[in-house]
């Protein structure tokens, strides 16, 4: 059984403190900064065995070295990113597995935002940490990769069980929801989600996690083959890559 604690970092980042309850093995996903993460650790488990990085951007690895030094943690990252991840110890490739205590994680390669971006998926715990690839009601900007790579990455995640809980790297849900609604204004479930998100944010609660099933119904970046979406974009005969690229470009300007 995996316990997950959300840590607010920087302006809108999320890091996640995870603990395998049976073995009391503790890890942190994408420690944006030392201070906020260390404060949460000191208030809870007082130890940190592993640091897991989805990609090399500083707002996801900024706390690596200080945390590693204080807690003697091991840093797990993508083999492709090992030279850009501060303090990298354990380098993983697509499909590799590893244990946090008795919780098994699989590495899923999800390039697009960056070339070495990975997600951490636990089938038994029904959870995925997507970094900046998939957001609640959105997907990441394409900095190093291509639209095709990002589309392929999104499709990998779409194929996971609908009950999978998605934990992403930022609190972008409100703005993402506004964009989704601009394309998909008749989606009742989307409108309900946006109301729910507003209610959570008003009382300073995170909008995540969210189930993959809910994302499939409401996240516009999962609906590139939906005829309603294609009609709205006047792209009825377009390929899924063309539709996805159009959506990402529109969001970049939104």
C-alpha atoms as a PDB file:
ATOM      1  CA  UNK A   1       0.000   0.000   0.000  1.00  0.00           C
ATOM      2  CA  UNK A   2       1.378   3.386  -1.052  1.00  0.00           C
ATOM      3  CA  UNK A   3       0.772   6.603   0.861  1.00  0.00           C
ATOM      4  CA  UNK A   4       1.043   9.874  -1.080  1.00  0.00           C
ATOM      5  CA  UNK A   5       1.410  13.357   0.414  1.00  0.00           C
ATOM      6  CA  UNK A   6       1.179  16.443  -1.798  1.00  0.00           C
ATOM      7  CA  UNK A   7       3.823  19.137  -1.264  1.00  0.00           C
ATOM      8  CA  UNK A   8       3.257  22.653  -2.606  1.00  0.00           C
ATOM      9  CA  UNK A   9       6.507  24.057  -4.006  1.00  0.00           C
ATOM     10  CA  UNK A  10       7.571  27.303  -5.670  1.00  0.00           C
ATOM     11  CA  UNK A  11       4.605  29.104  -7.281  1.00  0.00           C
ATOM     12  CA  UNK A  12       2.538  26.249  -8.681  1.00  0.00           C
ATOM     13  CA  UNK A  13       4.667  23.089  -8.551  1.00  0.00           C
ATOM     14  CA  UNK A  14       3.726  19.854  -6.850  1.00  0.00           C
ATOM     15  CA  UNK A  15       6.197  17.407  -5.363  1.00  0.00           C
ATOM     16  CA  UNK A  16       4.972  14.148  -3.863  1.00  0.00           C
ATOM     17  CA  UNK A  17       6.200  12.382  -0.769  1.00  0.00           C
ATOM     18  CA  UNK A  18       5.469   8.677  -1.061  1.00  0.00           C
ATOM     19  CA  UNK A  19       5.774   5.889   1.499  1.00  0.00           C
ATOM     20  CA  UNK A  20       5.418   2.154   1.174  1.00  0.00           C
ATOM     21  CA  UNK A  21       3.452   1.469   4.347  1.00  0.00           C
ATOM     22  CA  UNK A  22       4.599  -2.103   4.846  1.00  0.00           C
ATOM     23  CA  UNK A  23       8.338  -1.351   4.749  1.00  0.00           C
ATOM     24  CA  UNK A  24       8.314   2.363   5.664  1.00  0.00           C
ATOM     25  CA  UNK A  25      10.406   3.089   2.565  1.00  0.00           C
ATOM     26  CA  UNK A  26      10.091   6.774   1.624  1.00  0.00           C
ATOM     27  CA  UNK A  27      10.597   8.575  -1.678  1.00  0.00           C
ATOM     28  CA  UNK A  28       9.881  11.954  -3.185  1.00  0.00           C
ATOM     29  CA  UNK A  29       8.803  12.686  -6.741  1.00  0.00           C
ATOM     30  CA  UNK A  30      10.324  15.779  -8.395  1.00  0.00           C
ATOM     31  CA  UNK A  31      11.554  17.808  -5.397  1.00  0.00           C
ATOM     32  CA  UNK A  32      11.329  21.336  -6.774  1.00  0.00           C
ATOM     33  CA  UNK A  33      13.078  22.868  -3.789  1.00  0.00           C
ATOM     34  CA  UNK A  34      14.768  21.730  -0.617  1.00  0.00           C
ATOM     35  CA  UNK A  35      12.950  23.872   1.939  1.00  0.00           C
ATOM     36  CA  UNK A  36       9.321  22.846   1.362  1.00  0.00           C
ATOM     37  CA  UNK A  37      10.163  19.184   0.841  1.00  0.00           C
ATOM     38  CA  UNK A  38      12.460  18.975   3.849  1.00  0.00           C
ATOM     39  CA  UNK A  39       9.842  20.644   6.045  1.00  0.00           C
ATOM     40  CA  UNK A  40       7.287  17.993   5.058  1.00  0.00           C
ATOM     41  CA  UNK A  41       9.789  15.194   5.672  1.00  0.00           C
ATOM     42  CA  UNK A  42      10.703  16.516   9.113  1.00  0.00           C
ATOM     43  CA  UNK A  43       7.012  16.720  10.046  1.00  0.00           C
ATOM     44  CA  UNK A  44       6.250  13.201   8.850  1.00  0.00           C
ATOM     45  CA  UNK A  45       8.695  10.379   8.192  1.00  0.00           C
ATOM     46  CA  UNK A  46      12.064  11.959   9.129  1.00  0.00           C
ATOM     47  CA  UNK A  47      13.787   9.937   6.403  1.00  0.00           C
ATOM     48  CA  UNK A  48      14.094   9.881   2.620  1.00  0.00           C
ATOM     49  CA  UNK A  49      15.344   6.776   0.859  1.00  0.00           C
ATOM     50  CA  UNK A  50      14.772   7.707  -2.788  1.00  0.00           C
ATOM     51  CA  UNK A  51      14.390  10.756  -5.012  1.00  0.00           C
ATOM     52  CA  UNK A  52      12.537  10.153  -8.297  1.00  0.00           C
ATOM     53  CA  UNK A  53      12.912  12.658 -11.139  1.00  0.00           C
ATOM     54  CA  UNK A  54      10.617  12.695 -14.184  1.00  0.00           C
ATOM     55  CA  UNK A  55      12.815  15.141 -16.125  1.00  0.00           C
ATOM     56  CA  UNK A  56      15.723  17.537 -15.782  1.00  0.00           C
ATOM     57  CA  UNK A  57      14.055  20.966 -15.513  1.00  0.00           C
ATOM     58  CA  UNK A  58      15.181  22.833 -12.421  1.00  0.00           C
ATOM     59  CA  UNK A  59      11.664  23.196 -11.015  1.00  0.00           C
ATOM     60  CA  UNK A  60      11.630  19.394 -10.728  1.00  0.00           C
ATOM     61  CA  UNK A  61      15.181  18.715  -9.519  1.00  0.00           C
ATOM     62  CA  UNK A  62      16.034  21.865  -7.553  1.00  0.00           C
ATOM     63  CA  UNK A  63      16.050  20.085  -4.200  1.00  0.00           C
ATOM     64  CA  UNK A  64      17.979  17.000  -5.312  1.00  0.00           C
ATOM     65  CA  UNK A  65      21.453  17.662  -3.992  1.00  0.00           C
ATOM     66  CA  UNK A  66      20.558  19.115  -0.590  1.00  0.00           C
ATOM     67  CA  UNK A  67      18.044  16.339   0.074  1.00  0.00           C
ATOM     68  CA  UNK A  68      20.505  13.671  -1.060  1.00  0.00           C
ATOM     69  CA  UNK A  69      23.196  15.108   1.191  1.00  0.00           C
ATOM     70  CA  UNK A  70      20.965  15.345   4.264  1.00  0.00           C
ATOM     71  CA  UNK A  71      19.214  11.977   3.962  1.00  0.00           C
ATOM     72  CA  UNK A  72      21.723   9.932   1.942  1.00  0.00           C
ATOM     73  CA  UNK A  73      19.008   9.288  -0.630  1.00  0.00           C
ATOM     74  CA  UNK A  74      19.438   7.538  -3.981  1.00  0.00           C
ATOM     75  CA  UNK A  75      18.285   9.442  -7.067  1.00  0.00           C
ATOM     76  CA  UNK A  76      16.344   7.566  -9.766  1.00  0.00           C
ATOM     77  CA  UNK A  77      16.053   9.096 -13.228  1.00  0.00           C
ATOM     78  CA  UNK A  78      16.038   8.421 -16.961  1.00  0.00           C
ATOM     79  CA  UNK A  79      19.201   6.992 -18.499  1.00  0.00           C
ATOM     80  CA  UNK A  80      18.764   9.597 -21.247  1.00  0.00           C
ATOM     81  CA  UNK A  81      18.810  12.397 -18.665  1.00  0.00           C
ATOM     82  CA  UNK A  82      21.583  11.150 -16.374  1.00  0.00           C
ATOM     83  CA  UNK A  83      23.984  13.975 -17.291  1.00  0.00           C
ATOM     84  CA  UNK A  84      21.324  16.611 -16.648  1.00  0.00           C
ATOM     85  CA  UNK A  85      19.914  15.281 -13.374  1.00  0.00           C
ATOM     86  CA  UNK A  86      21.840  16.551 -10.323  1.00  0.00           C
ATOM     87  CA  UNK A  87      23.194  13.639  -8.288  1.00  0.00           C
ATOM     88  CA  UNK A  88      21.842  10.877 -10.539  1.00  0.00           C
ATOM     89  CA  UNK A  89      22.463   7.391  -9.096  1.00  0.00           C
ATOM     90  CA  UNK A  90      20.066   4.863 -10.613  1.00  0.00           C
ATOM     91  CA  UNK A  91      19.410   5.254 -14.335  1.00  0.00           C
ATOM     92  CA  UNK A  92      16.362   3.655 -15.907  1.00  0.00           C
ATOM     93  CA  UNK A  93      15.130   2.968 -19.428  1.00  0.00           C
ATOM     94  CA  UNK A  94      11.670   2.453 -20.905  1.00  0.00           C
ATOM     95  CA  UNK A  95       9.974  -0.546 -19.332  1.00  0.00           C
ATOM     96  CA  UNK A  96      12.436  -0.922 -16.461  1.00  0.00           C
ATOM     97  CA  UNK A  97      10.987  -1.735 -13.058  1.00  0.00           C
ATOM     98  CA  UNK A  98      12.120  -0.894  -9.544  1.00  0.00           C
ATOM     99  CA  UNK A  99      10.821  -1.179  -5.992  1.00  0.00           C
ATOM    100  CA  UNK A 100      10.031   1.446  -3.395  1.00  0.00           C
ATOM    101  CA  UNK A 101       9.788  -0.963  -0.497  1.00  0.00           C
ATOM    102  CA  UNK A 102       7.343  -3.546  -1.824  1.00  0.00           C
ATOM    103  CA  UNK A 103       5.655  -1.133  -4.247  1.00  0.00           C
ATOM    104  CA  UNK A 104       6.649  -1.937  -7.811  1.00  0.00           C
ATOM    105  CA  UNK A 105       7.043   0.932 -10.276  1.00  0.00           C
ATOM    106  CA  UNK A 106       7.455   0.759 -14.030  1.00  0.00           C
ATOM    107  CA  UNK A 107       9.265   3.435 -16.041  1.00  0.00           C
ATOM    108  CA  UNK A 108       7.309   4.750 -19.022  1.00  0.00           C
ATOM    109  CA  UNK A 109       9.215   6.866 -21.549  1.00  0.00           C
ATOM    110  CA  UNK A 110       7.100   9.924 -22.412  1.00  0.00           C
ATOM    111  CA  UNK A 111       9.208  12.343 -24.507  1.00  0.00           C
ATOM    112  CA  UNK A 112       7.826  15.583 -25.883  1.00  0.00           C
ATOM    113  CA  UNK A 113       8.168  18.151 -23.124  1.00  0.00           C
ATOM    114  CA  UNK A 114      11.787  16.995 -22.871  1.00  0.00           C
ATOM    115  CA  UNK A 115      13.509  14.177 -24.724  1.00  0.00           C
ATOM    116  CA  UNK A 116      14.357  12.199 -21.585  1.00  0.00           C
ATOM    117  CA  UNK A 117      11.032  12.643 -19.802  1.00  0.00           C
ATOM    118  CA  UNK A 118       9.717   9.571 -17.976  1.00  0.00           C
ATOM    119  CA  UNK A 119       6.633   8.758 -15.915  1.00  0.00           C
ATOM    120  CA  UNK A 120       6.489   6.453 -12.898  1.00  0.00           C
ATOM    121  CA  UNK A 121       3.599   3.969 -12.954  1.00  0.00           C
ATOM    122  CA  UNK A 122       2.537   1.500 -10.280  1.00  0.00           C
ATOM    123  CA  UNK A 123      -0.051  -0.955 -11.569  1.00  0.00           C
ATOM    124  CA  UNK A 124      -0.841  -2.444  -8.151  1.00  0.00           C
ATOM    125  CA  UNK A 125      -1.203   0.964  -6.518  1.00  0.00           C
ATOM    126  CA  UNK A 126      -3.155   2.282  -9.550  1.00  0.00           C
ATOM    127  CA  UNK A 127      -1.110   5.468  -9.704  1.00  0.00           C
ATOM    128  CA  UNK A 128       1.045   7.362 -12.180  1.00  0.00           C
ATOM    129  CA  UNK A 129       3.317  10.369 -11.678  1.00  0.00           C
ATOM    130  CA  UNK A 130       3.363  12.181 -15.024  1.00  0.00           C
ATOM    131  CA  UNK A 131       5.592  15.197 -14.351  1.00  0.00           C
ATOM    132  CA  UNK A 132       5.023  17.736 -17.124  1.00  0.00           C
ATOM    133  CA  UNK A 133       3.712  15.317 -19.755  1.00  0.00           C
ATOM    134  CA  UNK A 134       0.092  15.079 -18.658  1.00  0.00           C
ATOM    135  CA  UNK A 135      -1.585  17.683 -16.494  1.00  0.00           C
ATOM    136  CA  UNK A 136      -5.072  17.688 -15.080  1.00  0.00           C
ATOM    137  CA  UNK A 137      -7.071  18.815 -18.154  1.00  0.00           C
ATOM    138  CA  UNK A 138      -3.894  19.455 -20.136  1.00  0.00           C
ATOM    139  CA  UNK A 139      -0.551  18.311 -21.464  1.00  0.00           C
ATOM    140  CA  UNK A 140       2.921  19.802 -21.339  1.00  0.00           C
ATOM    141  CA  UNK A 141       4.458  22.312 -23.678  1.00  0.00           C
ATOM    142  CA  UNK A 142       6.773  20.861 -26.279  1.00  0.00           C
ATOM    143  CA  UNK A 143      10.286  22.146 -25.660  1.00  0.00           C
ATOM    144  CA  UNK A 144      12.770  19.515 -26.815  1.00  0.00           C
ATOM    145  CA  UNK A 145      10.635  16.923 -28.566  1.00  0.00           C
ATOM    146  CA  UNK A 146       8.072  16.925 -31.342  1.00  0.00           C
ATOM    147  CA  UNK A 147       4.293  16.954 -31.504  1.00  0.00           C
ATOM    148  CA  UNK A 148       4.403  13.346 -32.687  1.00  0.00           C
ATOM    149  CA  UNK A 149       6.478  12.314 -29.685  1.00  0.00           C
ATOM    150  CA  UNK A 150       4.077  14.060 -27.325  1.00  0.00           C
ATOM    151  CA  UNK A 151       1.073  12.479 -29.030  1.00  0.00           C
ATOM    152  CA  UNK A 152       2.656   9.038 -28.706  1.00  0.00           C
ATOM    153  CA  UNK A 153       3.384   9.722 -25.039  1.00  0.00           C
ATOM    154  CA  UNK A 154      -0.197  10.808 -24.405  1.00  0.00           C
ATOM    155  CA  UNK A 155      -1.496   7.683 -26.120  1.00  0.00           C
ATOM    156  CA  UNK A 156       0.675   5.473 -23.906  1.00  0.00           C
ATOM    157  CA  UNK A 157      -0.922   6.966 -20.819  1.00  0.00           C
ATOM    158  CA  UNK A 158      -4.422   6.799 -22.312  1.00  0.00           C
ATOM    159  CA  UNK A 159      -4.106   3.007 -22.541  1.00  0.00           C
ATOM    160  CA  UNK A 160      -3.630   2.539 -18.800  1.00  0.00           C
ATOM    161  CA  UNK A 161      -6.597   1.416 -16.642  1.00  0.00           C
ATOM    162  CA  UNK A 162      -9.226   4.130 -16.212  1.00  0.00           C
ATOM    163  CA  UNK A 163      -9.008   3.805 -12.427  1.00  0.00           C
ATOM    164  CA  UNK A 164      -5.368   4.991 -12.459  1.00  0.00           C
ATOM    165  CA  UNK A 165      -4.828   8.109 -10.344  1.00  0.00           C
ATOM    166  CA  UNK A 166      -2.875  10.817 -12.157  1.00  0.00           C
ATOM    167  CA  UNK A 167      -0.476  13.020 -10.181  1.00  0.00           C
ATOM    168  CA  UNK A 168       1.066  15.784 -12.301  1.00  0.00           C
ATOM    169  CA  UNK A 169       3.767  18.378 -11.799  1.00  0.00           C
ATOM    170  CA  UNK A 170       1.830  21.656 -11.624  1.00  0.00           C
ATOM    171  CA  UNK A 171      -1.433  23.227 -10.513  1.00  0.00           C
ATOM    172  CA  UNK A 172      -2.569  24.307 -13.970  1.00  0.00           C
ATOM    173  CA  UNK A 173      -6.062  22.836 -13.864  1.00  0.00           C
ATOM    174  CA  UNK A 174      -8.133  26.021 -13.769  1.00  0.00           C
ATOM    175  CA  UNK A 175      -6.464  27.581 -16.819  1.00  0.00           C
ATOM    176  CA  UNK A 176      -6.414  24.225 -18.604  1.00  0.00           C
ATOM    177  CA  UNK A 177     -10.134  23.864 -17.943  1.00  0.00           C
ATOM    178  CA  UNK A 178     -10.842  27.251 -19.477  1.00  0.00           C
ATOM    179  CA  UNK A 179      -9.010  26.198 -22.628  1.00  0.00           C
ATOM    180  CA  UNK A 180     -10.801  22.836 -22.809  1.00  0.00           C
ATOM    181  CA  UNK A 181     -14.146  24.615 -22.449  1.00  0.00           C
ATOM    182  CA  UNK A 182     -13.278  27.005 -25.287  1.00  0.00           C
ATOM    183  CA  UNK A 183     -13.099  23.996 -27.616  1.00  0.00           C
ATOM    184  CA  UNK A 184     -15.636  21.694 -25.952  1.00  0.00           C
ATOM    185  CA  UNK A 185     -18.266  24.086 -24.570  1.00  0.00           C
ATOM    186  CA  UNK A 186     -21.129  21.533 -24.490  1.00  0.00           C
ATOM    187  CA  UNK A 187     -19.297  18.913 -22.410  1.00  0.00           C
ATOM    188  CA  UNK A 188     -21.374  18.606 -19.226  1.00  0.00           C
ATOM    189  CA  UNK A 189     -18.786  16.501 -17.419  1.00  0.00           C
ATOM    190  CA  UNK A 190     -16.122  19.088 -18.192  1.00  0.00           C
ATOM    191  CA  UNK A 191     -18.280  21.856 -16.740  1.00  0.00           C
ATOM    192  CA  UNK A 192     -18.842  19.798 -13.600  1.00  0.00           C
ATOM    193  CA  UNK A 193     -15.097  19.209 -13.249  1.00  0.00           C
ATOM    194  CA  UNK A 194     -14.347  22.900 -13.584  1.00  0.00           C
ATOM    195  CA  UNK A 195     -16.838  23.704 -10.820  1.00  0.00           C
ATOM    196  CA  UNK A 196     -15.285  21.056  -8.604  1.00  0.00           C
ATOM    197  CA  UNK A 197     -11.798  22.427  -9.290  1.00  0.00           C
ATOM    198  CA  UNK A 198     -12.926  25.965  -8.415  1.00  0.00           C
ATOM    199  CA  UNK A 199     -14.381  24.726  -5.136  1.00  0.00           C
ATOM    200  CA  UNK A 200     -11.153  22.945  -4.206  1.00  0.00           C
ATOM    201  CA  UNK A 201      -8.902  25.861  -5.086  1.00  0.00           C
ATOM    202  CA  UNK A 202     -11.038  28.287  -3.081  1.00  0.00           C
ATOM    203  CA  UNK A 203     -10.231  26.328   0.068  1.00  0.00           C
ATOM    204  CA  UNK A 204      -6.580  25.825  -0.900  1.00  0.00           C
ATOM    205  CA  UNK A 205      -6.866  22.149  -1.817  1.00  0.00           C
ATOM    206  CA  UNK A 206      -5.030  20.697  -4.817  1.00  0.00           C
ATOM    207  CA  UNK A 207      -7.106  19.784  -7.862  1.00  0.00           C
ATOM    208  CA  UNK A 208      -5.249  16.508  -8.145  1.00  0.00           C
ATOM    209  CA  UNK A 209      -5.164  13.555  -8.192  1.00  0.00           C
ATOM    210  CA  UNK A 210      -7.694  12.811 -10.888  1.00  0.00           C
ATOM    211  CA  UNK A 211      -8.602   9.463 -12.392  1.00  0.00           C
ATOM    212  CA  UNK A 212      -7.529   8.684 -15.916  1.00  0.00           C
ATOM    213  CA  UNK A 213     -11.146   7.861 -16.699  1.00  0.00           C
ATOM    214  CA  UNK A 214     -12.195  11.423 -15.871  1.00  0.00           C
ATOM    215  CA  UNK A 215      -9.347  12.784 -17.981  1.00  0.00           C
ATOM    216  CA  UNK A 216     -10.436  10.687 -20.952  1.00  0.00           C
ATOM    217  CA  UNK A 217     -13.879  12.308 -20.771  1.00  0.00           C
ATOM    218  CA  UNK A 218     -12.783  15.898 -20.244  1.00  0.00           C
ATOM    219  CA  UNK A 219      -9.116  16.543 -21.192  1.00  0.00           C
ATOM    220  CA  UNK A 220      -9.147  18.019 -24.702  1.00  0.00           C
ATOM    221  CA  UNK A 221      -5.669  16.616 -25.404  1.00  0.00           C
ATOM    222  CA  UNK A 222      -7.096  13.097 -25.035  1.00  0.00           C
ATOM    223  CA  UNK A 223      -9.889  13.794 -27.513  1.00  0.00           C
ATOM    224  CA  UNK A 224      -8.032  14.396 -30.768  1.00  0.00           C
ATOM    225  CA  UNK A 225     -10.202  11.789 -32.531  1.00  0.00           C
ATOM    226  CA  UNK A 226     -13.504  13.074 -31.162  1.00  0.00           C
ATOM    227  CA  UNK A 227     -15.760  14.238 -33.995  1.00  0.00           C
ATOM    228  CA  UNK A 228     -17.156  17.113 -31.911  1.00  0.00           C
ATOM    229  CA  UNK A 229     -13.656  18.444 -31.346  1.00  0.00           C
ATOM    230  CA  UNK A 230     -12.632  17.978 -34.977  1.00  0.00           C
ATOM    231  CA  UNK A 231     -15.776  19.739 -36.138  1.00  0.00           C
ATOM    232  CA  UNK A 232     -15.153  22.671 -33.776  1.00  0.00           C
ATOM    233  CA  UNK A 233     -11.654  23.033 -35.229  1.00  0.00           C
ATOM    234  CA  UNK A 234     -12.975  22.595 -38.805  1.00  0.00           C
ATOM    235  CA  UNK A 235     -10.609  19.622 -39.152  1.00  0.00           C
ATOM    236  CA  UNK A 236     -13.082  16.804 -39.845  1.00  0.00           C
ATOM    237  CA  UNK A 237     -10.781  15.003 -42.275  1.00  0.00           C
ATOM    238  CA  UNK A 238      -7.532  15.707 -40.421  1.00  0.00           C
ATOM    239  CA  UNK A 239      -5.279  13.066 -38.871  1.00  0.00           C
ATOM    240  CA  UNK A 240      -5.012  12.705 -35.120  1.00  0.00           C
ATOM    241  CA  UNK A 241      -1.521  14.232 -35.256  1.00  0.00           C
ATOM    242  CA  UNK A 242      -2.820  17.260 -37.127  1.00  0.00           C
ATOM    243  CA  UNK A 243      -5.639  17.730 -34.611  1.00  0.00           C
ATOM    244  CA  UNK A 244      -3.345  17.241 -31.620  1.00  0.00           C
ATOM    245  CA  UNK A 245      -0.807  19.704 -33.066  1.00  0.00           C
ATOM    246  CA  UNK A 246      -3.552  22.278 -33.639  1.00  0.00           C
ATOM    247  CA  UNK A 247      -4.783  21.899 -30.053  1.00  0.00           C
ATOM    248  CA  UNK A 248      -1.280  22.273 -28.619  1.00  0.00           C
ATOM    249  CA  UNK A 249      -0.576  25.339 -30.752  1.00  0.00           C
ATOM    250  CA  UNK A 250      -3.883  26.925 -29.731  1.00  0.00           C
ATOM    251  CA  UNK A 251      -3.122  26.285 -26.066  1.00  0.00           C
ATOM    252  CA  UNK A 252       0.309  27.899 -26.467  1.00  0.00           C
ATOM    253  CA  UNK A 253      -1.463  31.095 -27.553  1.00  0.00           C
ATOM    254  CA  UNK A 254      -4.384  30.864 -25.093  1.00  0.00           C
END
